[in-house]
Amino acid sequence: EKCTPMDARSRHLLKVGIIANVFEWYEFFIFIFLAGTIGQLFFHVESTMIELIYSYSIFAISFIVRPLGGIFFGRIGDRIGRSTALRLSLVLMSVPTILIGILPTQHQVGSVATISLLILRLMQGFAAGGELPTTACYVFEASPAHNRSFLCSIISISPKIGMLLASFVSVVLVHIFDEQALLQGAWRIPFLLGVPLTFFIV
């Protein structure tokens, strides 16, 4: 069957599939690319290797709650609507990202900083568990039949773009700032990029 040109609705769904997933997974993965710096700021111990392991552990723990997020947002999508569930999951990812960007370090407030970081990462993991399947359902159900396969394929591609974007931003950051500048506050910049993204979502 010959595909017809993409209509306005298909273009809208294409933007949803790309933008939602790219921004979501950028915000989720920027943490891991700055794990070394975060380890020094929130897990100040004798060994830099142990600090890095602690950072990776926080990242790994956030995956534990992803199934719960999938169940929660799946129920929201069934009862209220896919669009509402998608927007809620995006906000729940963006807000913790911003809060991480302004979070005091362990040197400033002690273990409260580490506990707060863990809670915020759990919130992000919860949101990530709901965003990807919700986006997939939303695009599948709303897309026209002649563009459905193409639009749904975007759901699989866009998270990788978000990871690449996070990698690119972190590379640029470490090239612009030296280690001392990163530790003094430049590390916050990639997280605070969530501010304009949140306004865009809302």
Protein backbone atom coordinates (compact mmCIF):
# COMPACT_ATOMS: atom_id res chain seq x y z
CA GLU A 1 0.00 0.00 0.00
CA LYS A 2 1.38 3.38 -1.00
CA CYS A 3 1.90 5.81 1.88
CA THR A 4 0.19 9.17 1.57
CA PRO A 5 1.92 12.41 2.57
CA MET A 6 2.06 13.04 6.30
CA ASP A 7 -0.89 15.09 7.54
CA ALA A 8 -0.92 17.65 10.35
CA ARG A 9 -1.96 15.09 12.95
CA SER A 10 0.87 12.76 11.97
CA ARG A 11 3.36 15.62 12.18
CA HIS A 12 2.08 16.44 15.66
CA LEU A 13 2.50 12.82 16.77
CA LEU A 14 5.96 12.76 15.26
CA LYS A 15 6.90 15.76 17.42
CA VAL A 16 5.42 14.05 20.49
CA GLY A 17 7.32 10.85 19.82
CA ILE A 18 10.62 12.62 19.28
CA ILE A 19 10.50 15.54 21.72
CA ALA A 20 8.97 13.67 24.66
CA ASN A 21 11.44 10.80 24.52
CA VAL A 22 14.53 12.84 23.65
CA PHE A 23 14.03 15.26 26.54
CA GLU A 24 12.99 12.52 28.96
CA TRP A 25 16.01 10.34 28.32
CA TYR A 26 18.38 13.29 28.18
CA GLU A 27 17.29 14.21 31.69
CA PHE A 28 17.54 10.61 32.88
CA PHE A 29 21.00 9.89 31.46
CA ILE A 30 22.83 13.18 32.02
CA PHE A 31 23.40 11.90 35.56
CA ILE A 32 25.55 8.98 34.45
CA PHE A 33 27.81 11.10 32.25
CA LEU A 34 28.57 13.33 35.24
CA ALA A 35 28.86 10.44 37.70
CA GLY A 36 32.47 11.21 38.58
CA THR A 37 31.75 14.80 39.53
CA ILE A 38 28.54 13.86 41.36
CA GLY A 39 30.45 11.22 43.31
CA GLN A 40 32.91 13.81 44.60
CA LEU A 41 30.12 16.17 45.63
CA PHE A 42 27.63 13.79 47.21
CA PHE A 43 29.73 10.82 48.36
CA HIS A 44 32.89 12.39 49.71
CA VAL A 45 35.08 9.42 50.71
CA GLU A 46 38.78 8.59 50.51
CA SER A 47 38.68 6.73 47.19
CA THR A 48 37.48 8.30 43.94
CA MET A 49 36.67 4.79 42.72
CA ILE A 50 34.28 4.27 45.64
CA GLU A 51 32.68 7.65 44.92
CA LEU A 52 32.13 6.57 41.32
CA ILE A 53 30.66 3.24 42.42
CA TYR A 54 28.23 5.08 44.72
CA SER A 55 27.14 7.31 41.83
CA TYR A 56 26.60 4.30 39.57
CA SER A 57 24.65 2.63 42.37
CA ILE A 58 22.28 5.60 42.61
CA PHE A 59 21.81 5.40 38.85
CA ALA A 60 21.13 1.66 39.01
CA ILE A 61 18.69 1.95 41.91
CA SER A 62 16.51 4.31 39.85
CA PHE A 63 15.73 1.40 37.51
CA ILE A 64 14.13 -0.58 40.34
CA VAL A 65 11.06 1.65 40.45
CA ARG A 66 10.56 1.77 36.67
CA PRO A 67 8.06 -1.14 36.67
CA LEU A 68 6.02 0.65 39.33
CA GLY A 69 6.00 3.77 37.18
CA GLY A 70 4.81 1.74 34.22
CA ILE A 71 1.90 0.33 36.23
CA PHE A 72 0.96 3.70 37.72
CA PHE A 73 1.02 5.69 34.50
CA GLY A 74 -0.62 2.84 32.63
CA ARG A 75 -3.59 3.11 34.98
CA ILE A 76 -3.64 6.89 34.61
CA GLY A 77 -3.60 6.52 30.84
CA ASP A 78 -6.49 4.03 30.89
CA ARG A 79 -8.66 6.05 33.25
CA ILE A 80 -7.90 9.68 32.35
CA GLY A 81 -6.16 9.60 29.00
CA ARG A 82 -2.78 8.96 27.39
CA SER A 83 -2.06 12.64 26.90
CA THR A 84 -2.54 13.41 30.60
CA ALA A 85 -0.39 10.47 31.65
CA LEU A 86 2.34 11.47 29.22
CA ARG A 87 2.40 15.09 30.37
CA LEU A 88 2.44 14.04 34.02
CA SER A 89 5.37 11.65 33.49
CA LEU A 90 7.33 14.35 31.65
CA VAL A 91 6.80 16.84 34.46
CA LEU A 92 7.74 14.21 37.04
CA MET A 93 11.01 13.72 35.19
CA SER A 94 11.78 17.42 34.65
CA VAL A 95 11.10 18.69 38.18
CA PRO A 96 13.57 16.30 39.91
CA THR A 97 16.13 17.16 37.23
CA ILE A 98 15.84 20.84 38.11
CA LEU A 99 15.97 20.09 41.83
CA ILE A 100 19.16 18.07 41.36
CA GLY A 101 20.59 21.12 39.62
CA ILE A 102 20.02 23.28 42.71
CA LEU A 103 20.63 20.58 45.33
CA PRO A 104 23.14 21.45 48.07
CA THR A 105 26.15 19.16 48.17
CA GLN A 106 27.26 16.85 50.97
CA HIS A 107 29.83 19.42 52.05
CA GLN A 108 27.03 21.94 52.57
CA VAL A 109 24.29 19.92 54.27
CA GLY A 110 25.83 16.53 54.99
CA SER A 111 23.97 13.26 54.43
CA VAL A 112 20.73 15.15 53.68
CA ALA A 113 22.18 15.91 50.25
CA THR A 114 22.87 12.25 49.52
CA ILE A 115 19.43 11.12 50.68
CA SER A 116 17.75 13.88 48.67
CA LEU A 117 19.70 12.86 45.57
CA LEU A 118 18.55 9.26 46.00
CA ILE A 119 14.90 10.32 46.37
CA LEU A 120 15.06 12.53 43.28
CA ARG A 121 16.64 9.75 41.23
CA LEU A 122 13.90 7.34 42.36
CA MET A 123 11.32 9.87 41.18
CA GLN A 124 13.06 10.05 37.81
CA GLY A 125 13.12 6.27 37.53
CA PHE A 126 9.42 6.16 38.36
CA ALA A 127 8.70 8.74 35.66
CA ALA A 128 10.86 6.94 33.09
CA GLY A 129 8.89 3.76 33.70
CA GLY A 130 5.70 5.47 32.63
CA GLU A 131 6.86 7.76 29.85
CA LEU A 132 8.09 5.29 27.25
CA PRO A 133 5.08 2.91 27.21
CA THR A 134 2.66 5.81 27.55
CA THR A 135 4.19 7.55 24.55
CA ALA A 136 4.11 4.32 22.56
CA CYS A 137 0.42 3.73 23.36
CA TYR A 138 -0.50 7.35 22.66
CA VAL A 139 1.22 7.41 19.28
CA PHE A 140 -0.08 3.98 18.27
CA GLU A 141 -3.69 4.73 19.14
CA ALA A 142 -3.77 8.23 17.69
CA SER A 143 -1.74 7.76 14.51
CA PRO A 144 -3.37 7.15 11.12
CA ALA A 145 -3.00 3.64 9.74
CA HIS A 146 -0.88 4.68 6.76
CA ASN A 147 1.81 6.23 9.01
CA ARG A 148 1.46 4.08 12.12
CA SER A 149 4.52 1.87 11.65
CA PHE A 150 6.78 4.82 10.90
CA LEU A 151 5.53 6.91 13.82
CA CYS A 152 5.83 4.03 16.28
CA SER A 153 9.39 3.36 15.12
CA ILE A 154 10.28 6.88 16.31
CA ILE A 155 9.51 5.75 19.86
CA SER A 156 12.41 3.31 19.70
CA ILE A 157 14.83 5.78 18.10
CA SER A 158 14.26 8.91 20.18
CA PRO A 159 15.54 7.60 23.56
CA LYS A 160 18.89 6.90 21.90
CA ILE A 161 18.93 10.46 20.58
CA GLY A 162 18.31 11.66 24.14
CA MET A 163 21.25 9.60 25.40
CA LEU A 164 23.47 11.00 22.65
CA LEU A 165 22.35 14.52 23.52
CA ALA A 166 23.25 13.94 27.17
CA SER A 167 26.63 12.62 26.09
CA PHE A 168 27.21 15.61 23.82
CA VAL A 169 26.26 18.15 26.51
CA SER A 170 28.57 16.49 29.05
CA VAL A 171 31.48 16.44 26.56
CA VAL A 172 30.99 20.12 25.80
CA LEU A 173 30.81 20.86 29.52
CA VAL A 174 34.11 19.18 30.39
CA HIS A 175 35.82 20.89 27.46
CA ILE A 176 34.65 24.35 28.50
CA PHE A 177 35.21 24.01 32.26
CA ASP A 178 38.11 22.52 34.18
CA GLU A 179 37.56 20.13 37.09
CA GLN A 180 37.61 22.87 39.70
CA ALA A 181 34.95 24.89 37.86
CA LEU A 182 32.81 21.79 37.49
CA LEU A 183 32.96 21.08 41.20
CA GLN A 184 32.20 24.70 42.07
CA GLY A 185 28.93 24.72 40.16
CA ALA A 186 29.30 24.20 36.41
CA TRP A 187 28.05 20.63 36.84
CA ARG A 188 24.59 22.08 37.57
CA ILE A 189 24.16 23.54 34.07
CA PRO A 190 23.00 20.37 32.26
CA PHE A 191 20.41 19.72 34.97
CA LEU A 192 19.12 23.29 34.97
CA LEU A 193 18.44 22.97 31.24
CA GLY A 194 15.33 21.20 32.50
CA VAL A 195 13.83 24.60 33.39
CA PRO A 196 12.94 25.67 29.83
CA LEU A 197 12.00 22.07 29.00
CA THR A 198 9.46 22.04 31.82
CA PHE A 199 7.82 25.24 30.59
CA PHE A 200 7.70 23.74 27.10
CA ILE A 201 5.97 20.61 28.41
CA VAL A 202 3.41 22.50 30.46
